[in-house]
C-alpha atoms as a PDB file:
ATOM      1  CA  UNK A   1       4.828 133.046 150.773  1.00  0.00           C
ATOM      2  CA  UNK A   2       7.055 134.417 153.338  1.00  0.00           C
ATOM      3  CA  UNK A   3      10.694 135.363 152.906  1.00  0.00           C
ATOM      4  CA  UNK A   4      13.103 133.479 155.099  1.00  0.00           C
ATOM      5  CA  UNK A   5      16.455 135.220 156.059  1.00  0.00           C
ATOM      6  CA  UNK A   6      19.388 133.370 156.934  1.00  0.00           C
ATOM      7  CA  UNK A   7      22.609 134.899 158.300  1.00  0.00           C
ATOM      8  CA  UNK A   8      24.048 138.170 156.480  1.00  0.00           C
ATOM      9  CA  UNK A   9      20.662 139.182 154.780  1.00  0.00           C
ATOM     10  CA  UNK A  10      20.561 136.102 152.453  1.00  0.00           C
ATOM     11  CA  UNK A  11      16.839 135.339 151.539  1.00  0.00           C
ATOM     12  CA  UNK A  12      15.357 132.330 150.337  1.00  0.00           C
ATOM     13  CA  UNK A  13      12.078 133.166 148.263  1.00  0.00           C
ATOM     14  CA  UNK A  14       8.919 131.233 147.743  1.00  0.00           C
ATOM     15  CA  UNK A  15      10.536 128.113 149.257  1.00  0.00           C
ATOM     16  CA  UNK A  16       8.600 125.382 150.901  1.00  0.00           C
ATOM     17  CA  UNK A  17      10.170 123.381 153.835  1.00  0.00           C
ATOM     18  CA  UNK A  18       9.091 119.741 153.986  1.00  0.00           C
ATOM     19  CA  UNK A  19       7.522 117.726 151.334  1.00  0.00           C
ATOM     20  CA  UNK A  20       4.017 117.762 150.763  1.00  0.00           C
ATOM     21  CA  UNK A  21       2.434 114.214 150.189  1.00  0.00           C
ATOM     22  CA  UNK A  22      -1.028 113.518 148.933  1.00  0.00           C
ATOM     23  CA  UNK A  23      -2.281 110.039 149.410  1.00  0.00           C
ATOM     24  CA  UNK A  24      -5.459 108.986 147.837  1.00  0.00           C
ATOM     25  CA  UNK A  25      -7.305 105.774 149.047  1.00  0.00           C
ATOM     26  CA  UNK A  26      -7.021 104.168 146.056  1.00  0.00           C
ATOM     27  CA  UNK A  27      -3.361 104.985 145.068  1.00  0.00           C
ATOM     28  CA  UNK A  28      -0.157 103.033 146.351  1.00  0.00           C
ATOM     29  CA  UNK A  29       2.832 104.867 147.240  1.00  0.00           C
ATOM     30  CA  UNK A  30       4.140 105.038 144.135  1.00  0.00           C
ATOM     31  CA  UNK A  31       1.488 106.258 142.530  1.00  0.00           C
ATOM     32  CA  UNK A  32       0.206 103.487 140.531  1.00  0.00           C
ATOM     33  CA  UNK A  33      -3.457 102.968 140.655  1.00  0.00           C
ATOM     34  CA  UNK A  34      -5.025  99.627 142.151  1.00  0.00           C
ATOM     35  CA  UNK A  35      -7.654  98.103 140.631  1.00  0.00           C
ATOM     36  CA  UNK A  36     -10.559  97.354 143.041  1.00  0.00           C
ATOM     37  CA  UNK A  37      -9.069  98.519 146.162  1.00  0.00           C
ATOM     38  CA  UNK A  38     -12.632  99.140 147.290  1.00  0.00           C
ATOM     39  CA  UNK A  39     -14.585  96.244 148.990  1.00  0.00           C
ATOM     40  CA  UNK A  40     -17.828  95.000 146.993  1.00  0.00           C
ATOM     41  CA  UNK A  41     -20.222  96.689 149.729  1.00  0.00           C
ATOM     42  CA  UNK A  42     -18.187 100.370 149.266  1.00  0.00           C
ATOM     43  CA  UNK A  43     -18.668 100.010 145.597  1.00  0.00           C
ATOM     44  CA  UNK A  44     -22.165  98.793 145.401  1.00  0.00           C
ATOM     45  CA  UNK A  45     -24.262  99.665 148.444  1.00  0.00           C
ATOM     46  CA  UNK A  46     -27.397  99.780 146.866  1.00  0.00           C
ATOM     47  CA  UNK A  47     -26.981  96.804 145.157  1.00  0.00           C
ATOM     48  CA  UNK A  48     -26.173  94.954 148.576  1.00  0.00           C
ATOM     49  CA  UNK A  49     -28.697  96.615 150.581  1.00  0.00           C
ATOM     50  CA  UNK A  50     -31.300  95.275 147.644  1.00  0.00           C
ATOM     51  CA  UNK A  51     -30.110  92.011 147.890  1.00  0.00           C
ATOM     52  CA  UNK A  52     -30.139  91.980 151.809  1.00  0.00           C
ATOM     53  CA  UNK A  53     -33.524  92.947 151.770  1.00  0.00           C
ATOM     54  CA  UNK A  54     -34.903  90.109 149.374  1.00  0.00           C
ATOM     55  CA  UNK A  55     -33.146  87.663 151.279  1.00  0.00           C
ATOM     56  CA  UNK A  56     -34.788  89.016 154.567  1.00  0.00           C
ATOM     57  CA  UNK A  57     -38.198  88.993 152.907  1.00  0.00           C
ATOM     58  CA  UNK A  58     -37.603  85.546 151.689  1.00  0.00           C
ATOM     59  CA  UNK A  59     -36.605  84.532 155.155  1.00  0.00           C
ATOM     60  CA  UNK A  60     -40.121  86.009 156.505  1.00  0.00           C
ATOM     61  CA  UNK A  61     -41.841  84.101 153.844  1.00  0.00           C
ATOM     62  CA  UNK A  62     -41.548  80.570 155.857  1.00  0.00           C
ATOM     63  CA  UNK A  63     -44.410  79.516 157.911  1.00  0.00           C
ATOM     64  CA  UNK A  64     -42.650  78.772 161.248  1.00  0.00           C
ATOM     65  CA  UNK A  65     -42.529  82.513 161.969  1.00  0.00           C
ATOM     66  CA  UNK A  66     -46.419  82.133 163.135  1.00  0.00           C
ATOM     67  CA  UNK A  67     -45.340  79.879 165.655  1.00  0.00           C
ATOM     68  CA  UNK A  68     -42.715  82.232 167.076  1.00  0.00           C
ATOM     69  CA  UNK A  69     -45.010  85.278 166.943  1.00  0.00           C
ATOM     70  CA  UNK A  70     -47.636  83.105 169.154  1.00  0.00           C
ATOM     71  CA  UNK A  71     -44.873  82.078 171.693  1.00  0.00           C
ATOM     72  CA  UNK A  72     -43.899  85.707 171.950  1.00  0.00           C
ATOM     73  CA  UNK A  73     -47.434  86.890 172.382  1.00  0.00           C
ATOM     74  CA  UNK A  74     -48.092  84.316 174.872  1.00  0.00           C
ATOM     75  CA  UNK A  75     -45.171  85.650 177.123  1.00  0.00           C
ATOM     76  CA  UNK A  76     -47.039  88.865 177.224  1.00  0.00           C
END
């Protein structure tokens, strides 16, 4: 660290000016950890993607998609 001279050769050794603050996303101001501070999608991204994929696959199984595909193909 650097030495600071004040006035008549007064020295302050190894001092820090200001306060160092380390805040983490899962800690509050007084240092208590809050359980489940992240959302479900942040805690379980792979599980959520599997659930969404299964849901999309289930919707695509319905037979009305044939009518929609035929309509879109008839436009071209």
